[in-house]
Amino acid sequence: MLGEEKAAGRNAVKLELTPKSEEARKQVPKLDLWVSTEIWQAVQQKPYQTGGEDYRIFTYTDVTLNPKLADKAFKLDIPKKTKRVFPRR
């Protein structure tokens, strides 16, 4: 834990994470993660690139927990002439 900071407009704790496996460290040697102290969800992450201090920052805004979703959000709108294909067994 690196301390408390503001991230994505929220109070957050900053964590520095290092993968345990050598294979994972080859892809992402280190990752900084900000977790909101209000909703306890990640609001920002900063994965570092291998071979230096290059990084990208991903910021998550409008994070909501358990939003109300209509049933129609889970129904596929498939055209009537769509051909159905099944895997062979």
PDB file of N, CA and C in Angstrom:
ATOM      1  N   MET A   1       0.855  -1.168   0.000  1.00  0.00           N
ATOM      2  CA  MET A   1       0.000   0.000   0.000  1.00  0.00           C
ATOM      3  C   MET A   1       0.901   1.230   0.000  1.00  0.00           C
ATOM      4  N   LEU A   2       0.646   2.127  -0.964  1.00  0.00           N
ATOM      5  CA  LEU A   2       1.485   3.311  -1.105  1.00  0.00           C
ATOM      6  C   LEU A   2       0.865   4.558  -0.496  1.00  0.00           C
ATOM      7  N   GLY A   3      -0.370   4.460  -0.016  1.00  0.00           N
ATOM      8  CA  GLY A   3      -1.000   5.608   0.624  1.00  0.00           C
ATOM      9  C   GLY A   3      -2.353   5.931   0.018  1.00  0.00           C
ATOM     10  N   GLU A   4      -2.900   7.061   0.440  1.00  0.00           N
ATOM     11  CA  GLU A   4      -4.207   7.500  -0.038  1.00  0.00           C
ATOM     12  C   GLU A   4      -4.033   8.646  -1.021  1.00  0.00           C
ATOM     13  N   GLU A   5      -4.832   8.618  -2.082  1.00  0.00           N
ATOM     14  CA  GLU A   5      -4.801   9.642  -3.126  1.00  0.00           C
ATOM     15  C   GLU A   5      -6.186   9.802  -3.707  1.00  0.00           C
ATOM     16  N   LYS A   6      -6.370  10.846  -4.484  1.00  0.00           N
ATOM     17  CA  LYS A   6      -7.595  11.003  -5.279  1.00  0.00           C
ATOM     18  C   LYS A   6      -7.349  10.345  -6.626  1.00  0.00           C
ATOM     19  N   ALA A   7      -8.301   9.597  -7.109  1.00  0.00           N
ATOM     20  CA  ALA A   7      -8.228   8.986  -8.431  1.00  0.00           C
ATOM     21  C   ALA A   7      -9.641   8.934  -8.991  1.00  0.00           C
ATOM     22  N   ALA A   8      -9.804   9.364 -10.216  1.00  0.00           N
ATOM     23  CA  ALA A   8     -11.118   9.392 -10.876  1.00  0.00           C
ATOM     24  C   ALA A   8     -12.120  10.185 -10.050  1.00  0.00           C
ATOM     25  N   GLY A   9     -11.656  11.208  -9.358  1.00  0.00           N
ATOM     26  CA  GLY A   9     -12.537  12.052  -8.569  1.00  0.00           C
ATOM     27  C   GLY A   9     -13.012  11.441  -7.270  1.00  0.00           C
ATOM     28  N   ARG A  10     -12.399  10.344  -6.844  1.00  0.00           N
ATOM     29  CA  ARG A  10     -12.801   9.657  -5.614  1.00  0.00           C
ATOM     30  C   ARG A  10     -11.598   9.519  -4.682  1.00  0.00           C
ATOM     31  N   ASN A  11     -11.864   9.430  -3.398  1.00  0.00           N
ATOM     32  CA  ASN A  11     -10.814   9.089  -2.443  1.00  0.00           C
ATOM     33  C   ASN A  11     -10.459   7.624  -2.666  1.00  0.00           C
ATOM     34  N   ALA A  12      -9.171   7.338  -2.717  1.00  0.00           N
ATOM     35  CA  ALA A  12      -8.760   5.972  -3.028  1.00  0.00           C
ATOM     36  C   ALA A  12      -7.463   5.641  -2.299  1.00  0.00           C
ATOM     37  N   VAL A  13      -7.212   4.341  -2.161  1.00  0.00           N
ATOM     38  CA  VAL A  13      -5.926   3.862  -1.683  1.00  0.00           C
ATOM     39  C   VAL A  13      -5.154   3.359  -2.896  1.00  0.00           C
ATOM     40  N   LYS A  14      -3.855   3.655  -2.917  1.00  0.00           N
ATOM     41  CA  LYS A  14      -3.003   3.242  -4.031  1.00  0.00           C
ATOM     42  C   LYS A  14      -2.215   2.011  -3.613  1.00  0.00           C
ATOM     43  N   LEU A  15      -2.321   0.964  -4.430  1.00  0.00           N
ATOM     44  CA  LEU A  15      -1.618  -0.286  -4.183  1.00  0.00           C
ATOM     45  C   LEU A  15      -0.600  -0.513  -5.284  1.00  0.00           C
ATOM     46  N   GLU A  16       0.557  -1.019  -4.936  1.00  0.00           N
ATOM     47  CA  GLU A  16       1.539  -1.433  -5.935  1.00  0.00           C
ATOM     48  C   GLU A  16       1.558  -2.952  -5.943  1.00  0.00           C
ATOM     49  N   LEU A  17       1.241  -3.534  -7.084  1.00  0.00           N
ATOM     50  CA  LEU A  17       1.142  -4.989  -7.203  1.00  0.00           C
ATOM     51  C   LEU A  17       2.248  -5.504  -8.115  1.00  0.00           C
ATOM     52  N   THR A  18       2.864  -6.611  -7.719  1.00  0.00           N
ATOM     53  CA  THR A  18       3.889  -7.261  -8.517  1.00  0.00           C
ATOM     54  C   THR A  18       3.489  -8.727  -8.671  1.00  0.00           C
ATOM     55  N   PRO A  19       3.391  -9.223  -9.911  1.00  0.00           N
ATOM     56  CA  PRO A  19       3.003 -10.621 -10.106  1.00  0.00           C
ATOM     57  C   PRO A  19       3.990 -11.589  -9.445  1.00  0.00           C
ATOM     58  N   LYS A  20       3.458 -12.676  -8.922  1.00  0.00           N
ATOM     59  CA  LYS A  20       4.303 -13.686  -8.291  1.00  0.00           C
ATOM     60  C   LYS A  20       5.046 -14.519  -9.332  1.00  0.00           C
ATOM     61  N   SER A  21       4.369 -14.876 -10.422  1.00  0.00           N
ATOM     62  CA  SER A  21       4.992 -15.758 -11.397  1.00  0.00           C
ATOM     63  C   SER A  21       5.915 -14.988 -12.341  1.00  0.00           C
ATOM     64  N   GLU A  22       7.006 -15.621 -12.693  1.00  0.00           N
ATOM     65  CA  GLU A  22       7.977 -15.033 -13.618  1.00  0.00           C
ATOM     66  C   GLU A  22       7.330 -14.784 -14.981  1.00  0.00           C
ATOM     67  N   GLU A  23       6.492 -15.701 -15.407  1.00  0.00           N
ATOM     68  CA  GLU A  23       5.815 -15.571 -16.704  1.00  0.00           C
ATOM     69  C   GLU A  23       4.939 -14.314 -16.744  1.00  0.00           C
ATOM     70  N   ALA A  24       4.203 -14.066 -15.693  1.00  0.00           N
ATOM     71  CA  ALA A  24       3.352 -12.873 -15.641  1.00  0.00           C
ATOM     72  C   ALA A  24       4.190 -11.602 -15.565  1.00  0.00           C
ATOM     73  N   ARG A  25       5.314 -11.654 -14.834  1.00  0.00           N
ATOM     74  CA  ARG A  25       6.186 -10.478 -14.726  1.00  0.00           C
ATOM     75  C   ARG A  25       6.821 -10.108 -16.059  1.00  0.00           C
ATOM     76  N   LYS A  26       6.954 -11.080 -16.969  1.00  0.00           N
ATOM     77  CA  LYS A  26       7.480 -10.784 -18.304  1.00  0.00           C
ATOM     78  C   LYS A  26       6.513  -9.904 -19.084  1.00  0.00           C
ATOM     79  N   GLN A  27       5.217 -10.031 -18.799  1.00  0.00           N
ATOM     80  CA  GLN A  27       4.200  -9.239 -19.498  1.00  0.00           C
ATOM     81  C   GLN A  27       3.913  -7.924 -18.789  1.00  0.00           C
ATOM     82  N   VAL A  28       3.747  -7.967 -17.482  1.00  0.00           N
ATOM     83  CA  VAL A  28       3.472  -6.770 -16.671  1.00  0.00           C
ATOM     84  C   VAL A  28       4.328  -6.864 -15.412  1.00  0.00           C
ATOM     85  N   PRO A  29       5.469  -6.161 -15.398  1.00  0.00           N
ATOM     86  CA  PRO A  29       6.362  -6.293 -14.239  1.00  0.00           C
ATOM     87  C   PRO A  29       5.805  -5.664 -12.961  1.00  0.00           C
ATOM     88  N   LYS A  30       4.920  -4.683 -13.120  1.00  0.00           N
ATOM     89  CA  LYS A  30       4.379  -3.992 -11.944  1.00  0.00           C
ATOM     90  C   LYS A  30       3.065  -3.330 -12.352  1.00  0.00           C
ATOM     91  N   LEU A  31       2.146  -3.193 -11.387  1.00  0.00           N
ATOM     92  CA  LEU A  31       0.860  -2.567 -11.646  1.00  0.00           C
ATOM     93  C   LEU A  31       0.481  -1.729 -10.438  1.00  0.00           C
ATOM     94  N   ASP A  32       0.157  -0.465 -10.671  1.00  0.00           N
ATOM     95  CA  ASP A  32      -0.384   0.378  -9.603  1.00  0.00           C
ATOM     96  C   ASP A  32      -1.901   0.349  -9.737  1.00  0.00           C
ATOM     97  N   LEU A  33      -2.592   0.179  -8.622  1.00  0.00           N
ATOM     98  CA  LEU A  33      -4.044   0.061  -8.627  1.00  0.00           C
ATOM     99  C   LEU A  33      -4.623   0.980  -7.568  1.00  0.00           C
ATOM    100  N   TRP A  34      -5.588   1.800  -7.957  1.00  0.00           N
ATOM    101  CA  TRP A  34      -6.280   2.685  -7.025  1.00  0.00           C
ATOM    102  C   TRP A  34      -7.650   2.091  -6.755  1.00  0.00           C
ATOM    103  N   VAL A  35      -7.967   1.880  -5.479  1.00  0.00           N
ATOM    104  CA  VAL A  35      -9.251   1.309  -5.065  1.00  0.00           C
ATOM    105  C   VAL A  35      -9.985   2.373  -4.258  1.00  0.00           C
ATOM    106  N   SER A  36     -11.205   2.672  -4.678  1.00  0.00           N
ATOM    107  CA  SER A  36     -12.019   3.685  -4.007  1.00  0.00           C
ATOM    108  C   SER A  36     -12.324   3.263  -2.579  1.00  0.00           C
ATOM    109  N   THR A  37     -12.173   4.189  -1.646  1.00  0.00           N
ATOM    110  CA  THR A  37     -12.524   3.896  -0.258  1.00  0.00           C
ATOM    111  C   THR A  37     -14.018   4.103  -0.017  1.00  0.00           C
ATOM    112  N   GLU A  38     -14.739   4.564  -1.034  1.00  0.00           N
ATOM    113  CA  GLU A  38     -16.186   4.763  -0.915  1.00  0.00           C
ATOM    114  C   GLU A  38     -16.954   3.521  -1.367  1.00  0.00           C
ATOM    115  N   ILE A  39     -16.546   2.945  -2.522  1.00  0.00           N
ATOM    116  CA  ILE A  39     -17.273   1.792  -3.065  1.00  0.00           C
ATOM    117  C   ILE A  39     -16.423   0.521  -3.093  1.00  0.00           C
ATOM    118  N   TRP A  40     -15.151   0.609  -2.705  1.00  0.00           N
ATOM    119  CA  TRP A  40     -14.211  -0.507  -2.658  1.00  0.00           C
ATOM    120  C   TRP A  40     -14.133  -1.250  -3.982  1.00  0.00           C
ATOM    121  N   GLN A  41     -14.060  -0.484  -5.055  1.00  0.00           N
ATOM    122  CA  GLN A  41     -13.878  -1.010  -6.397  1.00  0.00           C
ATOM    123  C   GLN A  41     -12.703  -0.274  -7.040  1.00  0.00           C
ATOM    124  N   ALA A  42     -12.040  -0.920  -7.983  1.00  0.00           N
ATOM    125  CA  ALA A  42     -10.931  -0.277  -8.690  1.00  0.00           C
ATOM    126  C   ALA A  42     -11.467   0.893  -9.507  1.00  0.00           C
ATOM    127  N   VAL A  43     -10.792   2.040  -9.418  1.00  0.00           N
ATOM    128  CA  VAL A  43     -11.190   3.212 -10.192  1.00  0.00           C
ATOM    129  C   VAL A  43     -10.084   3.641 -11.154  1.00  0.00           C
ATOM    130  N   GLN A  44      -8.879   3.117 -10.980  1.00  0.00           N
ATOM    131  CA  GLN A  44      -7.789   3.449 -11.892  1.00  0.00           C
ATOM    132  C   GLN A  44      -6.710   2.387 -11.780  1.00  0.00           C
ATOM    133  N   GLN A  45      -6.059   2.111 -12.915  1.00  0.00           N
ATOM    134  CA  GLN A  45      -4.922   1.197 -12.882  1.00  0.00           C
ATOM    135  C   GLN A  45      -3.833   1.691 -13.828  1.00  0.00           C
ATOM    136  N   LYS A  46      -2.605   1.340 -13.485  1.00  0.00           N
ATOM    137  CA  LYS A  46      -1.444   1.800 -14.237  1.00  0.00           C
ATOM    138  C   LYS A  46      -0.492   0.621 -14.413  1.00  0.00           C
ATOM    139  N   PRO A  47      -0.668  -0.171 -15.487  1.00  0.00           N
ATOM    140  CA  PRO A  47       0.269  -1.270 -15.735  1.00  0.00           C
ATOM    141  C   PRO A  47       1.534  -0.750 -16.421  1.00  0.00           C
ATOM    142  N   TYR A  48       2.676  -1.172 -15.941  1.00  0.00           N
ATOM    143  CA  TYR A  48       3.959  -0.778 -16.516  1.00  0.00           C
ATOM    144  C   TYR A  48       4.348  -1.750 -17.617  1.00  0.00           C
ATOM    145  N   GLN A  49       5.059  -1.246 -18.616  1.00  0.00           N
ATOM    146  CA  GLN A  49       5.542  -2.070 -19.715  1.00  0.00           C
ATOM    147  C   GLN A  49       6.877  -2.691 -19.322  1.00  0.00           C
ATOM    148  N   THR A  50       7.218  -3.811 -19.936  1.00  0.00           N
ATOM    149  CA  THR A  50       8.499  -4.445 -19.658  1.00  0.00           C
ATOM    150  C   THR A  50       9.630  -3.615 -20.263  1.00  0.00           C
ATOM    151  N   GLY A  51      10.776  -3.675 -19.623  1.00  0.00           N
ATOM    152  CA  GLY A  51      11.959  -3.019 -20.154  1.00  0.00           C
ATOM    153  C   GLY A  51      12.062  -1.530 -19.890  1.00  0.00           C
ATOM    154  N   GLY A  52      11.343  -1.025 -18.921  1.00  0.00           N
ATOM    155  CA  GLY A  52      11.462   0.396 -18.640  1.00  0.00           C
ATOM    156  C   GLY A  52      10.344   0.906 -17.763  1.00  0.00           C
ATOM    157  N   GLU A  53      10.206   2.206 -17.760  1.00  0.00           N
ATOM    158  CA  GLU A  53       9.178   2.844 -16.936  1.00  0.00           C
ATOM    159  C   GLU A  53       7.981   3.315 -17.765  1.00  0.00           C
ATOM    160  N   ASP A  54       7.828   2.818 -18.991  1.00  0.00           N
ATOM    161  CA  ASP A  54       6.663   3.163 -19.796  1.00  0.00           C
ATOM    162  C   ASP A  54       5.427   2.520 -19.181  1.00  0.00           C
ATOM    163  N   TYR A  55       4.302   3.203 -19.282  1.00  0.00           N
ATOM    164  CA  TYR A  55       3.071   2.691 -18.690  1.00  0.00           C
ATOM    165  C   TYR A  55       1.862   3.266 -19.416  1.00  0.00           C
ATOM    166  N   ARG A  56       0.715   2.715 -19.116  1.00  0.00           N
ATOM    167  CA  ARG A  56      -0.581   3.217 -19.571  1.00  0.00           C
ATOM    168  C   ARG A  56      -1.428   3.433 -18.343  1.00  0.00           C
ATOM    169  N   ILE A  57      -2.359   4.379 -18.423  1.00  0.00           N
ATOM    170  CA  ILE A  57      -3.268   4.603 -17.298  1.00  0.00           C
ATOM    171  C   ILE A  57      -4.695   4.363 -17.777  1.00  0.00           C
ATOM    172  N   PHE A  58      -5.413   3.541 -17.043  1.00  0.00           N
ATOM    173  CA  PHE A  58      -6.820   3.265 -17.309  1.00  0.00           C
ATOM    174  C   PHE A  58      -7.628   3.826 -16.150  1.00  0.00           C
ATOM    175  N   THR A  59      -8.593   4.690 -16.454  1.00  0.00           N
ATOM    176  CA  THR A  59      -9.427   5.302 -15.425  1.00  0.00           C
ATOM    177  C   THR A  59     -10.872   4.884 -15.657  1.00  0.00           C
ATOM    178  N   TYR A  60     -11.534   4.445 -14.597  1.00  0.00           N
ATOM    179  CA  TYR A  60     -12.923   3.999 -14.671  1.00  0.00           C
ATOM    180  C   TYR A  60     -13.806   5.058 -14.028  1.00  0.00           C
ATOM    181  N   THR A  61     -14.763   5.566 -14.797  1.00  0.00           N
ATOM    182  CA  THR A  61     -15.667   6.596 -14.284  1.00  0.00           C
ATOM    183  C   THR A  61     -17.090   6.060 -14.262  1.00  0.00           C
ATOM    184  N   ASP A  62     -17.925   6.697 -13.506  1.00  0.00           N
ATOM    185  CA  ASP A  62     -19.333   6.299 -13.377  1.00  0.00           C
ATOM    186  C   ASP A  62     -19.474   4.830 -12.980  1.00  0.00           C
ATOM    187  N   VAL A  63     -18.627   4.374 -12.082  1.00  0.00           N
ATOM    188  CA  VAL A  63     -18.690   2.994 -11.596  1.00  0.00           C
ATOM    189  C   VAL A  63     -19.896   2.874 -10.680  1.00  0.00           C
ATOM    190  N   THR A  64     -20.773   1.926 -10.981  1.00  0.00           N
ATOM    191  CA  THR A  64     -21.933   1.675 -10.128  1.00  0.00           C
ATOM    192  C   THR A  64     -21.979   0.195  -9.786  1.00  0.00           C
ATOM    193  N   LEU A  65     -22.426  -0.108  -8.607  1.00  0.00           N
ATOM    194  CA  LEU A  65     -22.547  -1.487  -8.162  1.00  0.00           C
ATOM    195  C   LEU A  65     -23.988  -1.939  -8.288  1.00  0.00           C
ATOM    196  N   ASN A  66     -24.170  -3.123  -8.826  1.00  0.00           N
ATOM    197  CA  ASN A  66     -25.485  -3.735  -8.959  1.00  0.00           C
ATOM    198  C   ASN A  66     -26.517  -2.799  -9.589  1.00  0.00           C
ATOM    199  N   PRO A  67     -26.248  -2.299 -10.793  1.00  0.00           N
ATOM    200  CA  PRO A  67     -27.237  -1.422 -11.432  1.00  0.00           C
ATOM    201  C   PRO A  67     -28.478  -2.222 -11.823  1.00  0.00           C
ATOM    202  N   LYS A  68     -29.611  -1.554 -11.882  1.00  0.00           N
ATOM    203  CA  LYS A  68     -30.854  -2.203 -12.316  1.00  0.00           C
ATOM    204  C   LYS A  68     -30.781  -2.401 -13.826  1.00  0.00           C
ATOM    205  N   LEU A  69     -30.960  -3.625 -14.281  1.00  0.00           N
ATOM    206  CA  LEU A  69     -30.938  -3.945 -15.702  1.00  0.00           C
ATOM    207  C   LEU A  69     -32.280  -4.528 -16.104  1.00  0.00           C
ATOM    208  N   ALA A  70     -32.798  -4.051 -17.216  1.00  0.00           N
ATOM    209  CA  ALA A  70     -34.062  -4.577 -17.734  1.00  0.00           C
ATOM    210  C   ALA A  70     -33.838  -5.970 -18.315  1.00  0.00           C
ATOM    211  N   ASP A  71     -34.885  -6.809 -18.307  1.00  0.00           N
ATOM    212  CA  ASP A  71     -34.777  -8.157 -18.868  1.00  0.00           C
ATOM    213  C   ASP A  71     -34.380  -8.119 -20.335  1.00  0.00           C
ATOM    214  N   LYS A  72     -34.810  -7.088 -21.065  1.00  0.00           N
ATOM    215  CA  LYS A  72     -34.497  -7.025 -22.489  1.00  0.00           C
ATOM    216  C   LYS A  72     -32.993  -6.840 -22.742  1.00  0.00           C
ATOM    217  N   ALA A  73     -32.242  -6.436 -21.749  1.00  0.00           N
ATOM    218  CA  ALA A  73     -30.794  -6.287 -21.899  1.00  0.00           C
ATOM    219  C   ALA A  73     -30.119  -7.647 -22.088  1.00  0.00           C
ATOM    220  N   PHE A  74     -30.794  -8.733 -21.717  1.00  0.00           N
ATOM    221  CA  PHE A  74     -30.218 -10.071 -21.810  1.00  0.00           C
ATOM    222  C   PHE A  74     -30.778 -10.876 -22.974  1.00  0.00           C
ATOM    223  N   LYS A  75     -31.652 -10.286 -23.773  1.00  0.00           N
ATOM    224  CA  LYS A  75     -32.235 -10.981 -24.916  1.00  0.00           C
ATOM    225  C   LYS A  75     -31.547 -10.524 -26.190  1.00  0.00           C
ATOM    226  N   LEU A  76     -31.152 -11.501 -27.012  1.00  0.00           N
ATOM    227  CA  LEU A  76     -30.493 -11.194 -28.271  1.00  0.00           C
ATOM    228  C   LEU A  76     -31.512 -10.760 -29.313  1.00  0.00           C
ATOM    229  N   ASP A  77     -31.173  -9.742 -30.052  1.00  0.00           N
ATOM    230  CA  ASP A  77     -32.022  -9.265 -31.145  1.00  0.00           C
ATOM    231  C   ASP A  77     -31.461  -9.853 -32.436  1.00  0.00           C
ATOM    232  N   ILE A  78     -31.868 -11.095 -32.731  1.00  0.00           N
ATOM    233  CA  ILE A  78     -31.336 -11.834 -33.874  1.00  0.00           C
ATOM    234  C   ILE A  78     -32.293 -11.698 -35.050  1.00  0.00           C
ATOM    235  N   PRO A  79     -31.774 -11.366 -36.240  1.00  0.00           N
ATOM    236  CA  PRO A  79     -32.640 -11.283 -37.423  1.00  0.00           C
ATOM    237  C   PRO A  79     -33.309 -12.624 -37.695  1.00  0.00           C
ATOM    238  N   LYS A  80     -34.519 -12.591 -38.241  1.00  0.00           N
ATOM    239  CA  LYS A  80     -35.299 -13.821 -38.462  1.00  0.00           C
ATOM    240  C   LYS A  80     -34.627 -14.785 -39.427  1.00  0.00           C
ATOM    241  N   LYS A  81     -33.864 -14.308 -40.392  1.00  0.00           N
ATOM    242  CA  LYS A  81     -33.243 -15.178 -41.389  1.00  0.00           C
ATOM    243  C   LYS A  81     -31.874 -15.704 -40.956  1.00  0.00           C
ATOM    244  N   THR A  82     -31.537 -15.574 -39.704  1.00  0.00           N
ATOM    245  CA  THR A  82     -30.248 -16.048 -39.209  1.00  0.00           C
ATOM    246  C   THR A  82     -30.223 -17.566 -39.176  1.00  0.00           C
ATOM    247  N   LYS A  83     -29.145 -18.147 -39.709  1.00  0.00           N
ATOM    248  CA  LYS A  83     -29.006 -19.596 -39.729  1.00  0.00           C
ATOM    249  C   LYS A  83     -28.344 -20.040 -38.428  1.00  0.00           C
ATOM    250  N   ARG A  84     -28.938 -21.011 -37.748  1.00  0.00           N
ATOM    251  CA  ARG A  84     -28.372 -21.541 -36.516  1.00  0.00           C
ATOM    252  C   ARG A  84     -27.444 -22.701 -36.839  1.00  0.00           C
ATOM    253  N   VAL A  85     -26.270 -22.709 -36.261  1.00  0.00           N
ATOM    254  CA  VAL A  85     -25.279 -23.759 -36.476  1.00  0.00           C
ATOM    255  C   VAL A  85     -24.940 -24.361 -35.129  1.00  0.00           C
ATOM    256  N   PHE A  86     -24.954 -25.692 -35.064  1.00  0.00           N
ATOM    257  CA  PHE A  86     -24.652 -26.408 -33.824  1.00  0.00           C
ATOM    258  C   PHE A  86     -23.370 -27.198 -33.980  1.00  0.00           C
ATOM    259  N   PRO A  87     -22.557 -27.280 -32.948  1.00  0.00           N
ATOM    260  CA  PRO A  87     -21.319 -28.074 -33.052  1.00  0.00           C
ATOM    261  C   PRO A  87     -21.642 -29.556 -33.154  1.00  0.00           C
ATOM    262  N   ARG A  88     -20.798 -30.264 -33.889  1.00  0.00           N
ATOM    263  CA  ARG A  88     -20.986 -31.709 -34.006  1.00  0.00           C
ATOM    264  C   ARG A  88     -20.472 -32.383 -32.768  1.00  0.00           C
ATOM    265  N   ARG A  89     -21.116 -33.473 -32.411  1.00  0.00           N
ATOM    266  CA  ARG A  89     -20.696 -34.217 -31.206  1.00  0.00           C
ATOM    267  C   ARG A  89     -20.038 -35.483 -31.565  1.00  0.00           C
TER     268      ARG A  89
END
